[in-house]
Structures are given as structure tokens and as C-alpha cells.
Amino acid sequence: MMLPRIMLIGLTCIVTLFWTIFNFYHSVKWWGILIILGLALALAIPPNFWNRKLLKAIWQIPVLFVLMFLNFFRMKGAYGKFVHTDHKENKAEN
């Protein structure tokens, strides 16, 4: 399962901070991973989107991470259920 980008950024930051606090030697690798991840995601943004709105969105990432993390635990039984979408036949197309 591929995690959403917001979860990938958030979990990488948490692991990086954990290793920085408890064992700085192991944190160097995680800092490199975090920097490479940040650069990869930054390169995916077109230059005309680099503006004040983007900076405002970047500041909202921690809040969005927490909300999405909590949302993962609210989906009780969602994986076992099939959500059926009704498809009405359009007789005019035939």
C-alpha cells in the first residue's frame, strides 16, 4: 500500500525527529531521506505555483497530517464493505 504524500512526509518527519533525539548517528540517514523527499516533492510543483498560497498550504501540513492520521482510525469496517454505485442505463444512447 502506498501511503498518501501527507502521511509520507509526516511519518518521515516523526521518525527523523525520533532518531535525532535518541541516537544522532542513525538520524543522519533519516535527515538525508527527509531532504531528498522534500526536494522530490518540491520539483513536482510547477514554477508558476510557487507563490504565497503555496507557503500558506505548507504551513498547514502538520494540521492536515494529524487530521488524516486520525481519519485512518475512524474507518471502522470500511475495508470490508463494498460501496455500490448505482449506474442508470441511458436508453437514449442506444
PDB file of N, CA and C in Angstrom:
ATOM      1  N   MET A   1       0.846  -1.171   0.000  1.00  0.00           N
ATOM      2  CA  MET A   1       0.000   0.000   0.000  1.00  0.00           C
ATOM      3  C   MET A   1       0.892   1.236   0.000  1.00  0.00           C
ATOM      4  N   MET A   2       0.632   2.136  -0.904  1.00  0.00           N
ATOM      5  CA  MET A   2       1.366   3.393  -0.967  1.00  0.00           C
ATOM      6  C   MET A   2       0.642   4.420  -0.101  1.00  0.00           C
ATOM      7  N   LEU A   3       1.374   4.988   0.834  1.00  0.00           N
ATOM      8  CA  LEU A   3       0.776   5.997   1.710  1.00  0.00           C
ATOM      9  C   LEU A   3       0.542   7.292   0.954  1.00  0.00           C
ATOM     10  N   PRO A   4      -0.471   8.055   1.340  1.00  0.00           N
ATOM     11  CA  PRO A   4      -0.633   9.392   0.757  1.00  0.00           C
ATOM     12  C   PRO A   4       0.593  10.246   1.089  1.00  0.00           C
ATOM     13  N   ARG A   5       0.856  11.218   0.241  1.00  0.00           N
ATOM     14  CA  ARG A   5       2.058  12.044   0.417  1.00  0.00           C
ATOM     15  C   ARG A   5       2.102  12.729   1.771  1.00  0.00           C
ATOM     16  N   ILE A   6       0.972  13.186   2.245  1.00  0.00           N
ATOM     17  CA  ILE A   6       0.948  13.903   3.527  1.00  0.00           C
ATOM     18  C   ILE A   6       1.378  12.977   4.665  1.00  0.00           C
ATOM     19  N   MET A   7       0.963  11.702   4.584  1.00  0.00           N
ATOM     20  CA  MET A   7       1.359  10.735   5.606  1.00  0.00           C
ATOM     21  C   MET A   7       2.843  10.392   5.469  1.00  0.00           C
ATOM     22  N   LEU A   8       3.322  10.296   4.238  1.00  0.00           N
ATOM     23  CA  LEU A   8       4.730  10.007   3.995  1.00  0.00           C
ATOM     24  C   LEU A   8       5.611  11.110   4.565  1.00  0.00           C
ATOM     25  N   ILE A   9       5.243  12.352   4.334  1.00  0.00           N
ATOM     26  CA  ILE A   9       6.006  13.486   4.867  1.00  0.00           C
ATOM     27  C   ILE A   9       5.961  13.482   6.395  1.00  0.00           C
ATOM     28  N   GLY A  10       4.769  13.317   6.943  1.00  0.00           N
ATOM     29  CA  GLY A  10       4.601  13.373   8.390  1.00  0.00           C
ATOM     30  C   GLY A  10       5.333  12.253   9.116  1.00  0.00           C
ATOM     31  N   LEU A  11       5.191  11.032   8.623  1.00  0.00           N
ATOM     32  CA  LEU A  11       5.849   9.903   9.283  1.00  0.00           C
ATOM     33  C   LEU A  11       7.370   9.975   9.146  1.00  0.00           C
ATOM     34  N   THR A  12       7.845  10.465   8.009  1.00  0.00           N
ATOM     35  CA  THR A  12       9.284  10.639   7.832  1.00  0.00           C
ATOM     36  C   THR A  12       9.818  11.688   8.799  1.00  0.00           C
ATOM     37  N   CYS A  13       9.084  12.769   8.994  1.00  0.00           N
ATOM     38  CA  CYS A  13       9.492  13.796   9.960  1.00  0.00           C
ATOM     39  C   CYS A  13       9.517  13.243  11.384  1.00  0.00           C
ATOM     40  N   ILE A  14       8.510  12.460  11.731  1.00  0.00           N
ATOM     41  CA  ILE A  14       8.444  11.896  13.086  1.00  0.00           C
ATOM     42  C   ILE A  14       9.607  10.938  13.329  1.00  0.00           C
ATOM     43  N   VAL A  15       9.880  10.059  12.364  1.00  0.00           N
ATOM     44  CA  VAL A  15      10.989   9.122  12.516  1.00  0.00           C
ATOM     45  C   VAL A  15      12.321   9.869  12.585  1.00  0.00           C
ATOM     46  N   THR A  16      12.471  10.904  11.772  1.00  0.00           N
ATOM     47  CA  THR A  16      13.695  11.703  11.780  1.00  0.00           C
ATOM     48  C   THR A  16      13.897  12.372  13.133  1.00  0.00           C
ATOM     49  N   LEU A  17      12.844  12.966  13.675  1.00  0.00           N
ATOM     50  CA  LEU A  17      12.963  13.618  14.981  1.00  0.00           C
ATOM     51  C   LEU A  17      13.227  12.597  16.092  1.00  0.00           C
ATOM     52  N   PHE A  18      12.601  11.437  15.997  1.00  0.00           N
ATOM     53  CA  PHE A  18      12.828  10.376  16.985  1.00  0.00           C
ATOM     54  C   PHE A  18      14.298   9.983  17.018  1.00  0.00           C
ATOM     55  N   TRP A  19      14.870   9.698  15.835  1.00  0.00           N
ATOM     56  CA  TRP A  19      16.268   9.273  15.789  1.00  0.00           C
ATOM     57  C   TRP A  19      17.218  10.401  16.167  1.00  0.00           C
ATOM     58  N   THR A  20      16.837  11.647  15.885  1.00  0.00           N
ATOM     59  CA  THR A  20      17.685  12.775  16.269  1.00  0.00           C
ATOM     60  C   THR A  20      17.771  12.889  17.786  1.00  0.00           C
ATOM     61  N   ILE A  21      16.653  12.658  18.452  1.00  0.00           N
ATOM     62  CA  ILE A  21      16.621  12.770  19.911  1.00  0.00           C
ATOM     63  C   ILE A  21      17.364  11.603  20.573  1.00  0.00           C
ATOM     64  N   PHE A  22      17.148  10.381  20.088  1.00  0.00           N
ATOM     65  CA  PHE A  22      17.666   9.203  20.781  1.00  0.00           C
ATOM     66  C   PHE A  22      19.023   8.699  20.283  1.00  0.00           C
ATOM     67  N   ASN A  23      19.338   8.904  19.026  1.00  0.00           N
ATOM     68  CA  ASN A  23      20.622   8.425  18.513  1.00  0.00           C
ATOM     69  C   ASN A  23      20.980   9.248  17.277  1.00  0.00           C
ATOM     70  N   PHE A  24      21.806  10.260  17.476  1.00  0.00           N
ATOM     71  CA  PHE A  24      22.114  11.174  16.379  1.00  0.00           C
ATOM     72  C   PHE A  24      22.811  10.469  15.222  1.00  0.00           C
ATOM     73  N   TYR A  25      23.603   9.451  15.502  1.00  0.00           N
ATOM     74  CA  TYR A  25      24.323   8.732  14.457  1.00  0.00           C
ATOM     75  C   TYR A  25      23.351   8.122  13.439  1.00  0.00           C
ATOM     76  N   HIS A  26      22.268   7.545  13.897  1.00  0.00           N
ATOM     77  CA  HIS A  26      21.268   6.954  12.993  1.00  0.00           C
ATOM     78  C   HIS A  26      20.383   8.012  12.340  1.00  0.00           C
ATOM     79  N   SER A  27      20.335   9.196  12.912  1.00  0.00           N
ATOM     80  CA  SER A  27      19.453  10.232  12.363  1.00  0.00           C
ATOM     81  C   SER A  27      19.999  10.855  11.091  1.00  0.00           C
ATOM     82  N   VAL A  28      21.290  10.735  10.842  1.00  0.00           N
ATOM     83  CA  VAL A  28      21.881  11.347   9.640  1.00  0.00           C
ATOM     84  C   VAL A  28      21.240  10.769   8.381  1.00  0.00           C
ATOM     85  N   LYS A  29      21.043   9.452   8.367  1.00  0.00           N
ATOM     86  CA  LYS A  29      20.391   8.800   7.230  1.00  0.00           C
ATOM     87  C   LYS A  29      18.971   9.330   7.045  1.00  0.00           C
ATOM     88  N   TRP A  30      18.251   9.480   8.158  1.00  0.00           N
ATOM     89  CA  TRP A  30      16.869   9.938   8.073  1.00  0.00           C
ATOM     90  C   TRP A  30      16.776  11.402   7.650  1.00  0.00           C
ATOM     91  N   TRP A  31      17.737  12.213   8.053  1.00  0.00           N
ATOM     92  CA  TRP A  31      17.756  13.603   7.585  1.00  0.00           C
ATOM     93  C   TRP A  31      17.976  13.641   6.073  1.00  0.00           C
ATOM     94  N   GLY A  32      18.843  12.760   5.571  1.00  0.00           N
ATOM     95  CA  GLY A  32      19.053  12.678   4.126  1.00  0.00           C
ATOM     96  C   GLY A  32      17.785  12.254   3.397  1.00  0.00           C
ATOM     97  N   ILE A  33      17.089  11.265   3.943  1.00  0.00           N
ATOM     98  CA  ILE A  33      15.834  10.812   3.336  1.00  0.00           C
ATOM     99  C   ILE A  33      14.804  11.942   3.331  1.00  0.00           C
ATOM    100  N   LEU A  34      14.717  12.670   4.448  1.00  0.00           N
ATOM    101  CA  LEU A  34      13.748  13.768   4.539  1.00  0.00           C
ATOM    102  C   LEU A  34      14.076  14.875   3.536  1.00  0.00           C
ATOM    103  N   ILE A  35      15.337  15.210   3.390  1.00  0.00           N
ATOM    104  CA  ILE A  35      15.736  16.261   2.442  1.00  0.00           C
ATOM    105  C   ILE A  35      15.472  15.824   1.006  1.00  0.00           C
ATOM    106  N   ILE A  36      15.809  14.575   0.683  1.00  0.00           N
ATOM    107  CA  ILE A  36      15.559  14.076  -0.674  1.00  0.00           C
ATOM    108  C   ILE A  36      14.062  14.025  -0.969  1.00  0.00           C
ATOM    109  N   LEU A  37      13.265  13.594   0.011  1.00  0.00           N
ATOM    110  CA  LEU A  37      11.807  13.577  -0.166  1.00  0.00           C
ATOM    111  C   LEU A  37      11.276  14.987  -0.397  1.00  0.00           C
ATOM    112  N   GLY A  38      11.755  15.940   0.392  1.00  0.00           N
ATOM    113  CA  GLY A  38      11.320  17.334   0.220  1.00  0.00           C
ATOM    114  C   GLY A  38      11.691  17.888  -1.143  1.00  0.00           C
ATOM    115  N   LEU A  39      12.912  17.597  -1.595  1.00  0.00           N
ATOM    116  CA  LEU A  39      13.336  18.062  -2.924  1.00  0.00           C
ATOM    117  C   LEU A  39      12.516  17.417  -4.034  1.00  0.00           C
ATOM    118  N   ALA A  40      12.249  16.124  -3.906  1.00  0.00           N
ATOM    119  CA  ALA A  40      11.458  15.424  -4.924  1.00  0.00           C
ATOM    120  C   ALA A  40      10.048  15.997  -5.013  1.00  0.00           C
ATOM    121  N   LEU A  41       9.449  16.263  -3.878  1.00  0.00           N
ATOM    122  CA  LEU A  41       8.094  16.826  -3.888  1.00  0.00           C
ATOM    123  C   LEU A  41       8.108  18.274  -4.365  1.00  0.00           C
ATOM    124  N   ALA A  42       9.169  19.021  -4.040  1.00  0.00           N
ATOM    125  CA  ALA A  42       9.266  20.414  -4.493  1.00  0.00           C
ATOM    126  C   ALA A  42       9.471  20.489  -6.005  1.00  0.00           C
ATOM    127  N   LEU A  43      10.236  19.552  -6.559  1.00  0.00           N
ATOM    128  CA  LEU A  43      10.452  19.549  -8.013  1.00  0.00           C
ATOM    129  C   LEU A  43       9.178  19.214  -8.788  1.00  0.00           C
ATOM    130  N   ALA A  44       8.241  18.554  -8.144  1.00  0.00           N
ATOM    131  CA  ALA A  44       6.994  18.179  -8.810  1.00  0.00           C
ATOM    132  C   ALA A  44       6.019  19.352  -8.909  1.00  0.00           C
ATOM    133  N   ILE A  45       6.315  20.456  -8.244  1.00  0.00           N
ATOM    134  CA  ILE A  45       5.433  21.624  -8.273  1.00  0.00           C
ATOM    135  C   ILE A  45       5.888  22.554  -9.391  1.00  0.00           C
ATOM    136  N   PRO A  46       5.000  22.886 -10.335  1.00  0.00           N
ATOM    137  CA  PRO A  46       5.375  23.791 -11.422  1.00  0.00           C
ATOM    138  C   PRO A  46       5.777  25.174 -10.882  1.00  0.00           C
ATOM    139  N   PRO A  47       6.711  25.839 -11.554  1.00  0.00           N
ATOM    140  CA  PRO A  47       7.204  27.134 -11.072  1.00  0.00           C
ATOM    141  C   PRO A  47       6.119  28.204 -10.908  1.00  0.00           C
ATOM    142  N   ASN A  48       5.080  28.160 -11.737  1.00  0.00           N
ATOM    143  CA  ASN A  48       4.049  29.205 -11.617  1.00  0.00           C
ATOM    144  C   ASN A  48       3.164  29.021 -10.381  1.00  0.00           C
ATOM    145  N   PHE A  49       3.296  27.896  -9.671  1.00  0.00           N
ATOM    146  CA  PHE A  49       2.552  27.690  -8.431  1.00  0.00           C
ATOM    147  C   PHE A  49       3.335  28.087  -7.189  1.00  0.00           C
ATOM    148  N   TRP A  50       4.585  28.496  -7.357  1.00  0.00           N
ATOM    149  CA  TRP A  50       5.394  28.939  -6.226  1.00  0.00           C
ATOM    150  C   TRP A  50       4.983  30.361  -5.877  1.00  0.00           C
ATOM    151  N   ASN A  51       4.071  30.489  -4.937  1.00  0.00           N
ATOM    152  CA  ASN A  51       3.582  31.810  -4.528  1.00  0.00           C
ATOM    153  C   ASN A  51       3.189  31.764  -3.051  1.00  0.00           C
ATOM    154  N   ARG A  52       2.530  32.818  -2.615  1.00  0.00           N
ATOM    155  CA  ARG A  52       2.132  32.939  -1.207  1.00  0.00           C
ATOM    156  C   ARG A  52       1.135  31.857  -0.791  1.00  0.00           C
ATOM    157  N   LYS A  53       0.266  31.453  -1.703  1.00  0.00           N
ATOM    158  CA  LYS A  53      -0.708  30.401  -1.392  1.00  0.00           C
ATOM    159  C   LYS A  53      -0.008  29.075  -1.078  1.00  0.00           C
ATOM    160  N   LEU A  54       1.060  28.776  -1.811  1.00  0.00           N
ATOM    161  CA  LEU A  54       1.809  27.555  -1.567  1.00  0.00           C
ATOM    162  C   LEU A  54       2.446  27.582  -0.179  1.00  0.00           C
ATOM    163  N   LEU A  55       3.023  28.698   0.199  1.00  0.00           N
ATOM    164  CA  LEU A  55       3.616  28.810   1.528  1.00  0.00           C
ATOM    165  C   LEU A  55       2.569  28.642   2.621  1.00  0.00           C
ATOM    166  N   LYS A  56       1.390  29.205   2.385  1.00  0.00           N
ATOM    167  CA  LYS A  56       0.297  29.048   3.351  1.00  0.00           C
ATOM    168  C   LYS A  56      -0.117  27.572   3.459  1.00  0.00           C
ATOM    169  N   ALA A  57      -0.150  26.883   2.324  1.00  0.00           N
ATOM    170  CA  ALA A  57      -0.505  25.454   2.323  1.00  0.00           C
ATOM    171  C   ALA A  57       0.564  24.623   3.022  1.00  0.00           C
ATOM    172  N   ILE A  58       1.833  24.991   2.849  1.00  0.00           N
ATOM    173  CA  ILE A  58       2.920  24.255   3.507  1.00  0.00           C
ATOM    174  C   ILE A  58       2.810  24.386   5.026  1.00  0.00           C
ATOM    175  N   TRP A  59       2.413  25.556   5.506  1.00  0.00           N
ATOM    176  CA  TRP A  59       2.256  25.751   6.952  1.00  0.00           C
ATOM    177  C   TRP A  59       1.100  24.935   7.511  1.00  0.00           C
ATOM    178  N   GLN A  60       0.166  24.517   6.672  1.00  0.00           N
ATOM    179  CA  GLN A  60      -0.982  23.728   7.127  1.00  0.00           C
ATOM    180  C   GLN A  60      -0.704  22.225   7.128  1.00  0.00           C
ATOM    181  N   ILE A  61       0.444  21.801   6.642  1.00  0.00           N
ATOM    182  CA  ILE A  61       0.769  20.375   6.544  1.00  0.00           C
ATOM    183  C   ILE A  61       0.699  19.656   7.891  1.00  0.00           C
ATOM    184  N   PRO A  62       1.249  20.207   8.993  1.00  0.00           N
ATOM    185  CA  PRO A  62       1.146  19.466  10.264  1.00  0.00           C
ATOM    186  C   PRO A  62      -0.293  19.211  10.710  1.00  0.00           C
ATOM    187  N   VAL A  63      -1.152  20.188  10.545  1.00  0.00           N
ATOM    188  CA  VAL A  63      -2.561  20.024  10.928  1.00  0.00           C
ATOM    189  C   VAL A  63      -3.221  18.978  10.040  1.00  0.00           C
ATOM    190  N   LEU A  64      -2.950  19.042   8.750  1.00  0.00           N
ATOM    191  CA  LEU A  64      -3.535  18.069   7.827  1.00  0.00           C
ATOM    192  C   LEU A  64      -3.035  16.660   8.106  1.00  0.00           C
ATOM    193  N   PHE A  65      -1.762  16.538   8.486  1.00  0.00           N
ATOM    194  CA  PHE A  65      -1.222  15.220   8.833  1.00  0.00           C
ATOM    195  C   PHE A  65      -1.964  14.630  10.027  1.00  0.00           C
ATOM    196  N   VAL A  66      -2.157  15.430  11.065  1.00  0.00           N
ATOM    197  CA  VAL A  66      -2.843  14.934  12.267  1.00  0.00           C
ATOM    198  C   VAL A  66      -4.277  14.540  11.930  1.00  0.00           C
ATOM    199  N   LEU A  67      -4.970  15.361  11.156  1.00  0.00           N
ATOM    200  CA  LEU A  67      -6.353  15.046  10.798  1.00  0.00           C
ATOM    201  C   LEU A  67      -6.439  13.770   9.959  1.00  0.00           C
ATOM    202  N   MET A  68      -5.520  13.595   9.020  1.00  0.00           N
ATOM    203  CA  MET A  68      -5.549  12.393   8.194  1.00  0.00           C
ATOM    204  C   MET A  68      -5.161  11.161   9.010  1.00  0.00           C
ATOM    205  N   PHE A  69      -4.216  11.313   9.914  1.00  0.00           N
ATOM    206  CA  PHE A  69      -3.822  10.203  10.775  1.00  0.00           C
ATOM    207  C   PHE A  69      -5.003   9.744  11.630  1.00  0.00           C
ATOM    208  N   LEU A  70      -5.750  10.696  12.187  1.00  0.00           N
ATOM    209  CA  LEU A  70      -6.933  10.350  12.975  1.00  0.00           C
ATOM    210  C   LEU A  70      -8.021   9.735  12.105  1.00  0.00           C
ATOM    211  N   ASN A  71      -8.101  10.169  10.863  1.00  0.00           N
ATOM    212  CA  ASN A  71      -9.107   9.637   9.945  1.00  0.00           C
ATOM    213  C   ASN A  71      -8.882   8.158   9.640  1.00  0.00           C
ATOM    214  N   PHE A  72      -7.635   7.714   9.649  1.00  0.00           N
ATOM    215  CA  PHE A  72      -7.357   6.303   9.393  1.00  0.00           C
ATOM    216  C   PHE A  72      -8.021   5.406  10.431  1.00  0.00           C
ATOM    217  N   PHE A  73      -8.179   5.894  11.650  1.00  0.00           N
ATOM    218  CA  PHE A  73      -8.765   5.081  12.709  1.00  0.00           C
ATOM    219  C   PHE A  73     -10.283   5.223  12.788  1.00  0.00           C
ATOM    220  N   ARG A  74     -10.857   6.116  12.027  1.00  0.00           N
ATOM    221  CA  ARG A  74     -12.313   6.280  12.020  1.00  0.00           C
ATOM    222  C   ARG A  74     -12.991   5.404  10.974  1.00  0.00           C
ATOM    223  N   MET A  75     -12.241   4.766  10.127  1.00  0.00           N
ATOM    224  CA  MET A  75     -12.823   3.987   9.038  1.00  0.00           C
ATOM    225  C   MET A  75     -13.101   2.560   9.479  1.00  0.00           C
ATOM    226  N   LYS A  76     -13.843   2.401  10.546  1.00  0.00           N
ATOM    227  CA  LYS A  76     -14.156   1.072  11.074  1.00  0.00           C
ATOM    228  C   LYS A  76     -14.977   0.278  10.061  1.00  0.00           C
ATOM    229  N   GLY A  77     -14.458  -0.830   9.618  1.00  0.00           N
ATOM    230  CA  GLY A  77     -15.199  -1.700   8.719  1.00  0.00           C
ATOM    231  C   GLY A  77     -15.311  -1.217   7.293  1.00  0.00           C
ATOM    232  N   ALA A  78     -14.669  -0.120   6.952  1.00  0.00           N
ATOM    233  CA  ALA A  78     -14.778   0.395   5.594  1.00  0.00           C
ATOM    234  C   ALA A  78     -14.102  -0.521   4.586  1.00  0.00           C
ATOM    235  N   TYR A  79     -13.088  -1.260   5.025  1.00  0.00           N
ATOM    236  CA  TYR A  79     -12.378  -2.145   4.110  1.00  0.00           C
ATOM    237  C   TYR A  79     -13.195  -3.385   3.780  1.00  0.00           C
ATOM    238  N   GLY A  80     -14.083  -3.789   4.668  1.00  0.00           N
ATOM    239  CA  GLY A  80     -14.877  -4.983   4.444  1.00  0.00           C
ATOM    240  C   GLY A  80     -16.174  -4.727   3.698  1.00  0.00           C
ATOM    241  N   LYS A  81     -16.519  -3.484   3.495  1.00  0.00           N
ATOM    242  CA  LYS A  81     -17.785  -3.138   2.856  1.00  0.00           C
ATOM    243  C   LYS A  81     -17.564  -2.735   1.406  1.00  0.00           C
ATOM    244  N   PHE A  82     -18.497  -3.102   0.569  1.00  0.00           N
ATOM    245  CA  PHE A  82     -18.482  -2.652  -0.815  1.00  0.00           C
ATOM    246  C   PHE A  82     -19.510  -1.547  -0.947  1.00  0.00           C
ATOM    247  N   VAL A  83     -19.076  -0.390  -1.361  1.00  0.00           N
ATOM    248  CA  VAL A  83     -19.993   0.732  -1.548  1.00  0.00           C
ATOM    249  C   VAL A  83     -20.450   0.705  -2.999  1.00  0.00           C
ATOM    250  N   HIS A  84     -21.701   0.356  -3.182  1.00  0.00           N
ATOM    251  CA  HIS A  84     -22.236   0.195  -4.528  1.00  0.00           C
ATOM    252  C   HIS A  84     -22.622   1.542  -5.113  1.00  0.00           C
ATOM    253  N   THR A  85     -22.238   1.748  -6.359  1.00  0.00           N
ATOM    254  CA  THR A  85     -22.628   2.954  -7.082  1.00  0.00           C
ATOM    255  C   THR A  85     -23.683   2.558  -8.096  1.00  0.00           C
ATOM    256  N   ASP A  86     -24.827   3.211  -8.035  1.00  0.00           N
ATOM    257  CA  ASP A  86     -25.899   2.923  -8.989  1.00  0.00           C
ATOM    258  C   ASP A  86     -25.532   3.472 -10.358  1.00  0.00           C
ATOM    259  N   HIS A  87     -25.713   2.636 -11.366  1.00  0.00           N
ATOM    260  CA  HIS A  87     -25.491   3.056 -12.747  1.00  0.00           C
ATOM    261  C   HIS A  87     -26.811   2.907 -13.481  1.00  0.00           C
ATOM    262  N   LYS A  88     -27.384   4.032 -13.859  1.00  0.00           N
ATOM    263  CA  LYS A  88     -28.652   4.003 -14.585  1.00  0.00           C
ATOM    264  C   LYS A  88     -28.350   3.934 -16.072  1.00  0.00           C
ATOM    265  N   GLU A  89     -29.052   3.069 -16.742  1.00  0.00           N
ATOM    266  CA  GLU A  89     -28.855   2.964 -18.188  1.00  0.00           C
ATOM    267  C   GLU A  89     -29.555   4.106 -18.865  1.00  0.00           C
ATOM    268  N   ASN A  90     -28.882   4.683 -19.811  1.00  0.00           N
ATOM    269  CA  ASN A  90     -29.465   5.762 -20.587  1.00  0.00           C
ATOM    270  C   ASN A  90     -29.981   5.179 -21.894  1.00  0.00           C
ATOM    271  N   LYS A  91     -31.294   5.063 -22.007  1.00  0.00           N
ATOM    272  CA  LYS A  91     -31.916   4.436 -23.170  1.00  0.00           C
ATOM    273  C   LYS A  91     -31.759   5.288 -24.406  1.00  0.00           C
ATOM    274  N   ALA A  92     -31.545   6.604 -24.272  1.00  0.00           N
ATOM    275  CA  ALA A  92     -31.450   7.495 -25.418  1.00  0.00           C
ATOM    276  C   ALA A  92     -30.167   7.251 -26.212  1.00  0.00           C
ATOM    277  N   GLU A  93     -29.115   6.708 -25.569  1.00  0.00           N
ATOM    278  CA  GLU A  93     -27.851   6.498 -26.259  1.00  0.00           C
ATOM    279  C   GLU A  93     -27.901   5.300 -27.194  1.00  0.00           C
ATOM    280  N   ASN A  94     -28.784   4.339 -26.950  1.00  0.00           N
ATOM    281  CA  ASN A  94     -28.861   3.130 -27.782  1.00  0.00           C
ATOM    282  C   ASN A  94     -29.410   3.466 -29.085  1.00  0.00           C
TER     283      ASN A  94
END
